[in-house]
Amino acid sequence: MRIFIYSFLTAFLLVFNMCAEPVGQEAAAKAAAARLPQFYPGEWHPAGDYPLYDLAGNIAAYTFMFERADQAGQKQGRRETPAEFVAARRSALGEATDKSVGNHPELYGAERFATIVISADDTEPPLIRCFLGLPPQLVKERDAESLASGQRGQGRWRVSRRLMLGMFDEAFECEDETGREAPLVVEMRTGKSLPLAEATERVRAKRKKSVADPERERLCREAWAPFRSANRKGVQP
């Protein structure tokens, strides 16, 4: 998948700045709609969105999915959702084969969908990632639950939050529906899981080493200004 990154984006978005102001979903959506065609020209329809959280439960970013106008799939008189698309592709590949795991390219629908991830913090630039295809936090949700079950052995695991721990991570917070096990953080790139409490402690250690950059924060707020102004006035940027 093709990825575009701002070079000054920090390695971890969990570092909390006391001067930061949260960006609302509406302003983030305006930024997504404005920036996506700059990378992938053409007519795109919104296909869904979801928040990405930090370990404290705060919204760290928003993920917006778009579908090409000429590729829009219909299902029973309505447009097929990205989740339905992934489920249908998994079924077509065959659940019993290793082709159904979340790394298979056919599950992402790069010929049909595009994803853009927008920050929820005005001390970060609006755009975090932009690429063709569906996001891994959607495609790999089932795989994360399976990984948690396989590594922990007990309980009945389900994804409770999709996480934003770094630019390229594919992380989830999973909880045991039976209540017997403590919550886990599952990272699909490494294939490892660890208790939420331990992951949170690691973030605290990184936070202590962070250094504020007022000039960078000023530039980020300037980049956000058109979308926030449009949000307040109800007009497009």
C-alpha atoms as a PDB file:
ATOM      1  CA  MET A   1       0.000   0.000   0.000  1.00  0.00           C
ATOM      2  CA  ARG A   2       1.181   3.497  -0.767  1.00  0.00           C
ATOM      3  CA  ILE A   3       1.855   5.638   2.320  1.00  0.00           C
ATOM      4  CA  PHE A   4       2.384   9.376   2.675  1.00  0.00           C
ATOM      5  CA  ILE A   5       3.856  10.765   5.903  1.00  0.00           C
ATOM      6  CA  TYR A   6       4.767  14.173   7.197  1.00  0.00           C
ATOM      7  CA  SER A   7       8.438  14.026   8.104  1.00  0.00           C
ATOM      8  CA  PHE A   8       7.949  15.891  11.356  1.00  0.00           C
ATOM      9  CA  LEU A   9       5.294  13.522  12.704  1.00  0.00           C
ATOM     10  CA  THR A  10       6.538  12.036  15.975  1.00  0.00           C
ATOM     11  CA  ALA A  11       7.173   8.319  16.236  1.00  0.00           C
ATOM     12  CA  PHE A  12       4.457   7.904  18.857  1.00  0.00           C
ATOM     13  CA  LEU A  13       1.205   9.879  19.040  1.00  0.00           C
ATOM     14  CA  LEU A  14       0.619   8.849  22.621  1.00  0.00           C
ATOM     15  CA  VAL A  15       2.868  11.596  23.974  1.00  0.00           C
ATOM     16  CA  PHE A  16       0.365  13.997  25.494  1.00  0.00           C
ATOM     17  CA  ASN A  17       0.910  17.777  25.279  1.00  0.00           C
ATOM     18  CA  MET A  18      -0.884  19.855  27.907  1.00  0.00           C
ATOM     19  CA  CYS A  19      -1.422  22.676  25.376  1.00  0.00           C
ATOM     20  CA  ALA A  20      -3.061  20.438  22.806  1.00  0.00           C
ATOM     21  CA  GLU A  21      -6.694  20.953  21.920  1.00  0.00           C
ATOM     22  CA  PRO A  22      -8.721  17.996  20.677  1.00  0.00           C
ATOM     23  CA  VAL A  23      -9.977  18.133  17.114  1.00  0.00           C
ATOM     24  CA  GLY A  24     -13.614  17.209  16.601  1.00  0.00           C
ATOM     25  CA  GLN A  25     -14.805  14.528  14.210  1.00  0.00           C
ATOM     26  CA  GLU A  26     -16.478  17.045  11.898  1.00  0.00           C
ATOM     27  CA  ALA A  27     -13.317  19.113  11.384  1.00  0.00           C
ATOM     28  CA  ALA A  28     -11.317  15.913  10.882  1.00  0.00           C
ATOM     29  CA  ALA A  29     -13.815  14.728   8.259  1.00  0.00           C
ATOM     30  CA  LYS A  30     -13.448  17.992   6.359  1.00  0.00           C
ATOM     31  CA  ALA A  31      -9.683  17.591   6.382  1.00  0.00           C
ATOM     32  CA  ALA A  32     -10.013  14.005   5.129  1.00  0.00           C
ATOM     33  CA  ALA A  33     -12.353  14.953   2.279  1.00  0.00           C
ATOM     34  CA  ALA A  34     -10.058  17.798   1.213  1.00  0.00           C
ATOM     35  CA  ARG A  35      -6.771  15.894   1.354  1.00  0.00           C
ATOM     36  CA  LEU A  36      -7.693  12.500  -0.129  1.00  0.00           C
ATOM     37  CA  PRO A  37      -8.236  13.733  -3.739  1.00  0.00           C
ATOM     38  CA  GLN A  38      -4.828  15.436  -3.621  1.00  0.00           C
ATOM     39  CA  PHE A  39      -3.242  11.988  -3.439  1.00  0.00           C
ATOM     40  CA  TYR A  40      -5.804   9.944  -5.370  1.00  0.00           C
ATOM     41  CA  PRO A  41      -7.782  12.034  -7.879  1.00  0.00           C
ATOM     42  CA  GLY A  42     -11.293  11.040  -8.817  1.00  0.00           C
ATOM     43  CA  GLU A  43     -14.739  10.878  -7.294  1.00  0.00           C
ATOM     44  CA  TRP A  44     -14.847   9.255  -3.856  1.00  0.00           C
ATOM     45  CA  HIS A  45     -17.798   8.483  -1.589  1.00  0.00           C
ATOM     46  CA  PRO A  46     -17.453   8.243   2.210  1.00  0.00           C
ATOM     47  CA  ALA A  47     -17.586   4.579   3.217  1.00  0.00           C
ATOM     48  CA  GLY A  48     -17.342   4.833   7.002  1.00  0.00           C
ATOM     49  CA  ASP A  49     -15.073   6.007   9.783  1.00  0.00           C
ATOM     50  CA  TYR A  50     -13.979   5.117  13.299  1.00  0.00           C
ATOM     51  CA  PRO A  51     -11.795   6.635  16.038  1.00  0.00           C
ATOM     52  CA  LEU A  52      -8.383   5.404  17.105  1.00  0.00           C
ATOM     53  CA  TYR A  53      -7.625   5.610  20.829  1.00  0.00           C
ATOM     54  CA  ASP A  54      -4.568   5.944  22.999  1.00  0.00           C
ATOM     55  CA  LEU A  55      -4.101   3.664  25.996  1.00  0.00           C
ATOM     56  CA  ALA A  56      -5.822   6.140  28.308  1.00  0.00           C
ATOM     57  CA  GLY A  57      -9.021   5.912  26.263  1.00  0.00           C
ATOM     58  CA  ASN A  58      -8.646   9.318  24.577  1.00  0.00           C
ATOM     59  CA  ILE A  59      -9.246   9.705  20.846  1.00  0.00           C
ATOM     60  CA  ALA A  60      -5.821  10.043  19.200  1.00  0.00           C
ATOM     61  CA  ALA A  61      -6.899  10.010  15.536  1.00  0.00           C
ATOM     62  CA  TYR A  62      -9.756   9.309  13.149  1.00  0.00           C
ATOM     63  CA  THR A  63      -9.757   6.798  10.300  1.00  0.00           C
ATOM     64  CA  PHE A  64     -11.895   7.663   7.269  1.00  0.00           C
ATOM     65  CA  MET A  65     -12.625   5.146   4.523  1.00  0.00           C
ATOM     66  CA  PHE A  66     -13.675   6.143   1.012  1.00  0.00           C
ATOM     67  CA  GLU A  67     -14.944   4.170  -1.971  1.00  0.00           C
ATOM     68  CA  ARG A  68     -14.490   4.976  -5.650  1.00  0.00           C
ATOM     69  CA  ALA A  69     -17.750   6.131  -7.193  1.00  0.00           C
ATOM     70  CA  ASP A  70     -17.444   3.697 -10.096  1.00  0.00           C
ATOM     71  CA  GLN A  71     -16.610   0.764  -7.801  1.00  0.00           C
ATOM     72  CA  ALA A  72     -19.386   1.176  -5.241  1.00  0.00           C
ATOM     73  CA  GLY A  73     -20.742  -2.260  -4.363  1.00  0.00           C
ATOM     74  CA  GLN A  74     -24.441  -2.790  -3.776  1.00  0.00           C
ATOM     75  CA  LYS A  75     -25.908  -5.373  -1.426  1.00  0.00           C
ATOM     76  CA  GLN A  76     -29.658  -5.882  -1.149  1.00  0.00           C
ATOM     77  CA  GLY A  77     -30.432  -2.399  -2.440  1.00  0.00           C
ATOM     78  CA  ARG A  78     -27.846  -0.601  -0.309  1.00  0.00           C
ATOM     79  CA  ARG A  79     -24.146   0.040  -0.469  1.00  0.00           C
ATOM     80  CA  GLU A  80     -21.923  -2.728   0.899  1.00  0.00           C
ATOM     81  CA  THR A  81     -20.008  -1.624   3.991  1.00  0.00           C
ATOM     82  CA  PRO A  82     -16.236  -2.148   4.296  1.00  0.00           C
ATOM     83  CA  ALA A  83     -16.816  -4.745   7.025  1.00  0.00           C
ATOM     84  CA  GLU A  84     -19.199  -6.660   4.743  1.00  0.00           C
ATOM     85  CA  PHE A  85     -16.652  -6.433   1.931  1.00  0.00           C
ATOM     86  CA  VAL A  86     -13.932  -7.959   4.142  1.00  0.00           C
ATOM     87  CA  ALA A  87     -16.268 -10.712   5.376  1.00  0.00           C
ATOM     88  CA  ALA A  88     -17.236 -11.613   1.795  1.00  0.00           C
ATOM     89  CA  ARG A  89     -13.596 -11.693   0.670  1.00  0.00           C
ATOM     90  CA  ARG A  90     -12.648 -13.914   3.612  1.00  0.00           C
ATOM     91  CA  SER A  91     -15.436 -16.284   2.700  1.00  0.00           C
ATOM     92  CA  ALA A  92     -14.376 -16.339  -0.945  1.00  0.00           C
ATOM     93  CA  LEU A  93     -10.768 -17.066  -0.027  1.00  0.00           C
ATOM     94  CA  GLY A  94     -11.851 -19.878   2.250  1.00  0.00           C
ATOM     95  CA  GLU A  95     -11.879 -19.674   6.030  1.00  0.00           C
ATOM     96  CA  ALA A  96      -9.988 -22.957   6.364  1.00  0.00           C
ATOM     97  CA  THR A  97      -6.983 -21.802   4.341  1.00  0.00           C
ATOM     98  CA  ASP A  98      -4.084 -19.607   5.323  1.00  0.00           C
ATOM     99  CA  LYS A  99      -5.226 -17.209   2.592  1.00  0.00           C
ATOM    100  CA  SER A 100      -7.897 -15.880   4.937  1.00  0.00           C
ATOM    101  CA  VAL A 101      -5.426 -14.287   7.377  1.00  0.00           C
ATOM    102  CA  GLY A 102      -5.378 -10.510   7.533  1.00  0.00           C
ATOM    103  CA  ASN A 103      -2.206 -10.059   5.471  1.00  0.00           C
ATOM    104  CA  HIS A 104      -3.800 -11.283   2.254  1.00  0.00           C
ATOM    105  CA  PRO A 105      -3.952  -8.319  -0.186  1.00  0.00           C
ATOM    106  CA  GLU A 106      -7.402  -9.239  -1.535  1.00  0.00           C
ATOM    107  CA  LEU A 107      -8.954  -8.421   1.834  1.00  0.00           C
ATOM    108  CA  TYR A 108      -7.992  -4.749   1.510  1.00  0.00           C
ATOM    109  CA  GLY A 109      -9.744  -3.900  -1.764  1.00  0.00           C
ATOM    110  CA  ALA A 110      -7.089  -1.456  -2.973  1.00  0.00           C
ATOM    111  CA  GLU A 111      -8.822  -1.296  -6.351  1.00  0.00           C
ATOM    112  CA  ARG A 112     -11.961   0.038  -4.703  1.00  0.00           C
ATOM    113  CA  PHE A 113     -11.197   1.735  -1.370  1.00  0.00           C
ATOM    114  CA  ALA A 114      -8.847   4.344   0.061  1.00  0.00           C
ATOM    115  CA  THR A 115      -8.086   5.217   3.679  1.00  0.00           C
ATOM    116  CA  ILE A 116      -6.924   8.436   5.275  1.00  0.00           C
ATOM    117  CA  VAL A 117      -5.972   8.816   8.939  1.00  0.00           C
ATOM    118  CA  ILE A 118      -6.414  12.278  10.470  1.00  0.00           C
ATOM    119  CA  SER A 119      -5.021  13.454  13.793  1.00  0.00           C
ATOM    120  CA  ALA A 120      -7.360  14.358  16.659  1.00  0.00           C
ATOM    121  CA  ASP A 121      -4.806  16.745  18.189  1.00  0.00           C
ATOM    122  CA  ASP A 122      -4.069  20.216  16.853  1.00  0.00           C
ATOM    123  CA  THR A 123      -0.399  19.983  17.870  1.00  0.00           C
ATOM    124  CA  GLU A 124      -0.020  17.226  15.260  1.00  0.00           C
ATOM    125  CA  PRO A 125      -0.397  17.822  11.503  1.00  0.00           C
ATOM    126  CA  PRO A 126      -3.856  16.947  10.150  1.00  0.00           C
ATOM    127  CA  LEU A 127      -2.667  14.148   7.871  1.00  0.00           C
ATOM    128  CA  ILE A 128      -1.036  11.089   9.407  1.00  0.00           C
ATOM    129  CA  ARG A 129      -1.414   8.441   6.695  1.00  0.00           C
ATOM    130  CA  CYS A 130      -3.091   8.090   3.313  1.00  0.00           C
ATOM    131  CA  PHE A 131      -3.132   4.880   1.255  1.00  0.00           C
ATOM    132  CA  LEU A 132      -5.190   2.768  -1.116  1.00  0.00           C
ATOM    133  CA  GLY A 133      -7.193  -0.044   0.440  1.00  0.00           C
ATOM    134  CA  LEU A 134      -8.959  -0.584   3.741  1.00  0.00           C
ATOM    135  CA  PRO A 135      -7.178  -0.033   7.070  1.00  0.00           C
ATOM    136  CA  PRO A 136      -5.552  -2.954   8.913  1.00  0.00           C
ATOM    137  CA  GLN A 137      -7.457  -2.113  12.109  1.00  0.00           C
ATOM    138  CA  LEU A 138     -10.628  -3.072  10.246  1.00  0.00           C
ATOM    139  CA  VAL A 139      -9.283  -6.025   8.263  1.00  0.00           C
ATOM    140  CA  LYS A 140      -7.351  -7.637  11.121  1.00  0.00           C
ATOM    141  CA  GLU A 141      -9.871  -7.285  13.946  1.00  0.00           C
ATOM    142  CA  ARG A 142     -10.813 -10.970  13.834  1.00  0.00           C
ATOM    143  CA  ASP A 143      -7.127 -11.936  13.661  1.00  0.00           C
ATOM    144  CA  ALA A 144      -6.382  -9.861  16.761  1.00  0.00           C
ATOM    145  CA  GLU A 145      -9.069 -11.696  18.715  1.00  0.00           C
ATOM    146  CA  SER A 146      -7.659 -15.030  17.571  1.00  0.00           C
ATOM    147  CA  LEU A 147      -4.144 -13.988  18.551  1.00  0.00           C
ATOM    148  CA  ALA A 148      -5.293 -12.944  22.032  1.00  0.00           C
ATOM    149  CA  SER A 149      -7.131 -16.242  22.487  1.00  0.00           C
ATOM    150  CA  GLY A 150      -4.181 -18.283  21.267  1.00  0.00           C
ATOM    151  CA  GLN A 151      -1.577 -16.578  23.438  1.00  0.00           C
ATOM    152  CA  ARG A 152      -3.625 -16.317  26.615  1.00  0.00           C
ATOM    153  CA  GLY A 153      -5.531 -19.578  26.373  1.00  0.00           C
ATOM    154  CA  GLN A 154      -8.287 -18.576  28.771  1.00  0.00           C
ATOM    155  CA  GLY A 155     -11.285 -16.318  28.377  1.00  0.00           C
ATOM    156  CA  ARG A 156     -13.336 -15.165  25.426  1.00  0.00           C
ATOM    157  CA  TRP A 157     -11.571 -12.250  23.778  1.00  0.00           C
ATOM    158  CA  ARG A 158     -13.012  -9.426  21.694  1.00  0.00           C
ATOM    159  CA  VAL A 159     -11.634  -6.119  20.426  1.00  0.00           C
ATOM    160  CA  SER A 160     -12.806  -3.254  22.614  1.00  0.00           C
ATOM    161  CA  ARG A 161     -10.814  -0.433  20.966  1.00  0.00           C
ATOM    162  CA  ARG A 162      -8.696   0.149  17.885  1.00  0.00           C
ATOM    163  CA  LEU A 163      -5.499   1.863  18.961  1.00  0.00           C
ATOM    164  CA  MET A 164      -3.086   4.473  17.616  1.00  0.00           C
ATOM    165  CA  LEU A 165       0.272   3.835  19.283  1.00  0.00           C
ATOM    166  CA  GLY A 166       2.519   4.748  16.348  1.00  0.00           C
ATOM    167  CA  MET A 167       2.309   5.628  12.681  1.00  0.00           C
ATOM    168  CA  PHE A 168       2.518   2.105  11.334  1.00  0.00           C
ATOM    169  CA  ASP A 169       1.190  -0.032  14.143  1.00  0.00           C
ATOM    170  CA  GLU A 170      -1.795  -2.333  13.864  1.00  0.00           C
ATOM    171  CA  ALA A 171      -2.790  -2.395  17.500  1.00  0.00           C
ATOM    172  CA  PHE A 172      -5.930  -3.326  19.392  1.00  0.00           C
ATOM    173  CA  GLU A 173      -7.122  -3.309  22.961  1.00  0.00           C
ATOM    174  CA  CYS A 174      -8.842  -6.617  23.678  1.00  0.00           C
ATOM    175  CA  GLU A 175     -10.977  -7.559  26.647  1.00  0.00           C
ATOM    176  CA  ASP A 176     -12.063 -10.878  28.074  1.00  0.00           C
ATOM    177  CA  GLU A 177     -15.854 -11.057  27.922  1.00  0.00           C
ATOM    178  CA  THR A 178     -15.850 -13.505  30.829  1.00  0.00           C
ATOM    179  CA  GLY A 179     -14.080 -10.952  33.057  1.00  0.00           C
ATOM    180  CA  ARG A 180     -11.462 -13.456  34.223  1.00  0.00           C
ATOM    181  CA  GLU A 181      -8.475 -11.946  32.401  1.00  0.00           C
ATOM    182  CA  ALA A 182      -7.040  -8.422  32.445  1.00  0.00           C
ATOM    183  CA  PRO A 183      -7.294  -6.352  29.212  1.00  0.00           C
ATOM    184  CA  LEU A 184      -4.585  -6.866  26.605  1.00  0.00           C
ATOM    185  CA  VAL A 185      -2.857  -4.767  23.979  1.00  0.00           C
ATOM    186  CA  VAL A 186      -2.392  -6.843  20.813  1.00  0.00           C
ATOM    187  CA  GLU A 187       0.072  -5.668  18.143  1.00  0.00           C
ATOM    188  CA  MET A 188      -0.417  -7.477  14.868  1.00  0.00           C
ATOM    189  CA  ARG A 189       2.868  -6.493  13.204  1.00  0.00           C
ATOM    190  CA  THR A 190       4.874  -8.193  15.927  1.00  0.00           C
ATOM    191  CA  GLY A 191       2.240 -10.830  16.657  1.00  0.00           C
ATOM    192  CA  LYS A 192       2.586 -10.180  20.371  1.00  0.00           C
ATOM    193  CA  SER A 193       0.280  -9.180  23.198  1.00  0.00           C
ATOM    194  CA  LEU A 194       0.899  -7.742  26.640  1.00  0.00           C
ATOM    195  CA  PRO A 195      -1.270  -6.589  29.525  1.00  0.00           C
ATOM    196  CA  LEU A 196      -2.776  -3.141  29.141  1.00  0.00           C
ATOM    197  CA  ALA A 197      -1.238  -2.032  32.440  1.00  0.00           C
ATOM    198  CA  GLU A 198       2.253  -2.934  31.233  1.00  0.00           C
ATOM    199  CA  ALA A 199       1.769  -1.172  27.914  1.00  0.00           C
ATOM    200  CA  THR A 200       0.534   1.946  29.726  1.00  0.00           C
ATOM    201  CA  GLU A 201       3.613   1.972  31.943  1.00  0.00           C
ATOM    202  CA  ARG A 202       5.872   1.852  28.887  1.00  0.00           C
ATOM    203  CA  VAL A 203       4.044   4.856  27.431  1.00  0.00           C
ATOM    204  CA  ARG A 204       4.563   6.808  30.656  1.00  0.00           C
ATOM    205  CA  ALA A 205       8.291   6.160  30.403  1.00  0.00           C
ATOM    206  CA  LYS A 206       8.388   7.470  26.820  1.00  0.00           C
ATOM    207  CA  ARG A 207       6.306  10.504  27.778  1.00  0.00           C
ATOM    208  CA  LYS A 208       8.892  11.583  30.348  1.00  0.00           C
ATOM    209  CA  LYS A 209      11.519  11.784  27.600  1.00  0.00           C
ATOM    210  CA  SER A 210       9.444  13.953  25.271  1.00  0.00           C
ATOM    211  CA  VAL A 211      10.433  17.573  24.612  1.00  0.00           C
ATOM    212  CA  ALA A 212       7.957  20.266  23.564  1.00  0.00           C
ATOM    213  CA  ASP A 213       8.535  22.031  20.222  1.00  0.00           C
ATOM    214  CA  PRO A 214       6.529  25.298  20.206  1.00  0.00           C
ATOM    215  CA  GLU A 215       7.385  26.143  16.582  1.00  0.00           C
ATOM    216  CA  ARG A 216       6.211  22.761  15.355  1.00  0.00           C
ATOM    217  CA  GLU A 217       2.996  23.109  17.343  1.00  0.00           C
ATOM    218  CA  ARG A 218       2.393  26.560  15.850  1.00  0.00           C
ATOM    219  CA  LEU A 219       2.787  25.229  12.315  1.00  0.00           C
ATOM    220  CA  CYS A 220       0.399  22.365  13.052  1.00  0.00           C
ATOM    221  CA  ARG A 221      -2.261  24.726  14.405  1.00  0.00           C
ATOM    222  CA  GLU A 222      -1.921  26.865  11.278  1.00  0.00           C
ATOM    223  CA  ALA A 223      -2.477  23.765   9.153  1.00  0.00           C
ATOM    224  CA  TRP A 224      -5.609  22.983  11.143  1.00  0.00           C
ATOM    225  CA  ALA A 225      -7.043  26.526  11.018  1.00  0.00           C
ATOM    226  CA  PRO A 226      -8.970  26.257   7.691  1.00  0.00           C
ATOM    227  CA  PHE A 227     -10.754  23.089   8.744  1.00  0.00           C
ATOM    228  CA  ARG A 228     -11.627  24.341  12.208  1.00  0.00           C
ATOM    229  CA  SER A 229     -12.802  27.654  10.798  1.00  0.00           C
ATOM    230  CA  ALA A 230     -14.964  25.805   8.290  1.00  0.00           C
ATOM    231  CA  ASN A 231     -16.282  23.642  11.110  1.00  0.00           C
ATOM    232  CA  ARG A 232     -17.369  26.712  13.050  1.00  0.00           C
ATOM    233  CA  LYS A 233     -18.844  28.543  10.053  1.00  0.00           C
ATOM    234  CA  GLY A 234     -20.389  25.503   8.394  1.00  0.00           C
ATOM    235  CA  VAL A 235     -18.563  25.993   5.082  1.00  0.00           C
ATOM    236  CA  GLN A 236     -16.112  23.866   3.153  1.00  0.00           C
ATOM    237  CA  PRO A 237     -12.412  24.736   3.466  1.00  0.00           C
END
